[in-house]
Protein backbone atom coordinates (compact mmCIF):
# COMPACT_ATOMS: atom_id res chain seq x y z
CA MET A 1 -11.08 9.42 -1.69
CA MET A 2 -10.66 11.86 -4.47
CA THR A 3 -13.62 13.21 -6.34
CA LYS A 4 -13.69 13.17 -10.10
CA GLU A 5 -12.82 16.82 -10.17
CA GLU A 6 -9.76 16.19 -7.91
CA ILE A 7 -8.26 13.45 -10.09
CA PRO A 8 -5.33 14.81 -11.91
CA ALA A 9 -5.47 14.88 -15.76
CA CYS A 10 -2.08 13.29 -15.97
CA PRO A 11 -2.24 9.43 -15.41
CA VAL A 12 1.16 9.40 -13.67
CA ALA A 13 0.06 12.15 -11.31
CA THR A 14 -3.10 10.17 -10.56
CA THR A 15 -1.11 7.06 -9.60
CA VAL A 16 1.27 9.18 -7.47
CA ALA A 17 -1.70 10.83 -5.78
CA LEU A 18 -3.12 7.45 -4.85
CA ILE A 19 0.01 5.52 -3.76
CA GLY A 20 2.86 8.09 -3.74
CA SER A 21 3.54 8.19 -0.06
CA LYS A 22 6.29 6.22 1.38
CA TRP A 23 4.06 4.41 3.77
CA LYS A 24 1.35 3.57 1.27
CA LEU A 25 3.78 1.97 -1.00
CA LEU A 26 5.25 -0.13 1.78
CA ILE A 27 1.80 -1.18 2.99
CA ILE A 28 0.93 -2.29 -0.51
CA ARG A 29 4.24 -4.10 -0.83
CA ASN A 30 3.41 -6.10 2.38
CA LEU A 31 -0.11 -6.85 1.20
CA ARG A 32 1.21 -8.44 -2.00
CA THR A 33 2.19 -11.46 -0.02
CA ARG A 34 -0.90 -12.08 2.14
CA PRO A 35 -3.59 -10.34 4.21
CA TRP A 36 -2.10 -8.52 7.26
CA ARG A 37 -3.45 -7.38 10.58
CA PHE A 38 -3.02 -3.84 11.79
CA ASN A 39 -0.45 -4.77 14.58
CA GLU A 40 1.54 -6.90 12.14
CA LEU A 41 1.80 -3.94 9.73
CA LYS A 42 2.77 -1.57 12.60
CA LYS A 43 5.51 -3.98 13.74
CA ASP A 44 6.86 -4.59 10.28
CA LEU A 45 6.87 -0.98 9.03
CA GLU A 46 9.51 0.35 11.39
CA GLY A 47 9.06 4.06 12.19
CA ILE A 48 5.38 4.38 11.15
CA SER A 49 3.12 5.90 13.80
CA GLN A 50 -0.22 4.46 14.68
CA LYS A 51 -1.95 7.58 13.35
CA VAL A 52 -0.13 7.51 10.02
CA LEU A 53 -0.87 3.77 9.61
CA THR A 54 -4.52 4.28 10.39
CA ASP A 55 -4.79 7.26 8.03
CA SER A 56 -2.97 5.45 5.23
CA LEU A 57 -5.15 2.29 5.55
CA ARG A 58 -8.29 4.36 5.62
CA SER A 59 -7.17 6.29 2.51
CA LEU A 60 -6.20 3.05 0.66
CA GLU A 61 -9.56 1.58 1.58
CA ALA A 62 -11.48 4.65 0.53
CA ASP A 63 -9.64 4.66 -2.79
CA ARG A 64 -10.55 0.87 -3.11
CA ILE A 65 -6.91 -0.27 -3.28
CA ILE A 66 -7.31 -2.42 -0.17
CA THR A 67 -10.14 -4.22 1.59
CA ARG A 68 -10.81 -4.30 5.31
CA THR A 69 -12.43 -7.50 6.62
CA VAL A 70 -13.74 -7.56 10.14
CA TYR A 71 -14.29 -11.10 11.50
CA PRO A 72 -17.03 -11.63 14.13
CA GLU A 73 -14.88 -12.99 16.85
CA VAL A 74 -13.96 -12.07 20.33
CA PRO A 75 -11.74 -10.16 20.34
CA PRO A 76 -12.57 -8.84 16.86
CA ARG A 77 -10.05 -9.64 14.12
CA VAL A 78 -9.53 -7.24 11.26
CA GLU A 79 -7.45 -8.06 8.20
CA TYR A 80 -6.33 -5.82 5.35
CA ALA A 81 -5.73 -7.26 1.90
CA LEU A 82 -5.27 -6.01 -1.66
CA SER A 83 -8.56 -5.50 -3.54
CA GLU A 84 -9.01 -6.54 -7.11
CA LEU A 85 -7.97 -3.00 -8.07
CA GLY A 86 -4.92 -3.21 -5.70
CA GLU A 87 -3.93 -6.53 -7.28
CA SER A 88 -3.86 -4.75 -10.69
CA MET A 89 -0.99 -2.65 -9.34
CA ARG A 90 1.16 -5.73 -8.88
CA PRO A 91 3.07 -5.25 -12.13
CA ILE A 92 3.90 -1.61 -11.08
CA LEU A 93 5.31 -2.89 -7.78
CA ASP A 94 7.13 -5.77 -9.48
CA SER A 95 8.86 -3.31 -11.86
CA MET A 96 9.78 -1.02 -8.94
CA GLU A 97 11.35 -3.98 -7.12
CA ALA A 98 13.23 -5.15 -10.20
CA TRP A 99 14.53 -1.62 -10.75
CA GLY A 100 15.55 -1.29 -7.19
CA ILE A 101 17.45 -4.51 -7.35
CA SER A 102 19.25 -3.40 -10.50
CA TYR A 103 20.06 -0.04 -8.96
CA LYS A 104 21.52 -1.62 -5.83
CA LYS A 105 23.60 -3.92 -7.96
CA LEU A 106 24.88 -1.08 -10.10
CA MET A 107 25.89 0.90 -7.03
CA ALA A 108 27.58 -2.03 -5.48
CA ASP A 109 29.68 -2.55 -8.63
CA THR A 110 30.91 1.06 -8.64
């Protein structure tokens, strides 16, 4: 989690600092649909290492973008979901998705 002193003055830089990595964006993309378990994310995010996934989830949780819920079961079940703050990023991701679709269409037409 960034301290107040570490938060960039530029709002765009702040957003990039929080979610700018490839894996964080893809984790958030998945969590837009429903809560996910660790192994589900690992399986779906082809190429991500266990360490990077763990570090990314911890960072997103520390920055309050996602929540981690541990269910008192045997074996323990842990789910990750978007927090209220994370849900507020939905329009950003929706815009990124729309732009990506438009770009792919443009490139297919050329």
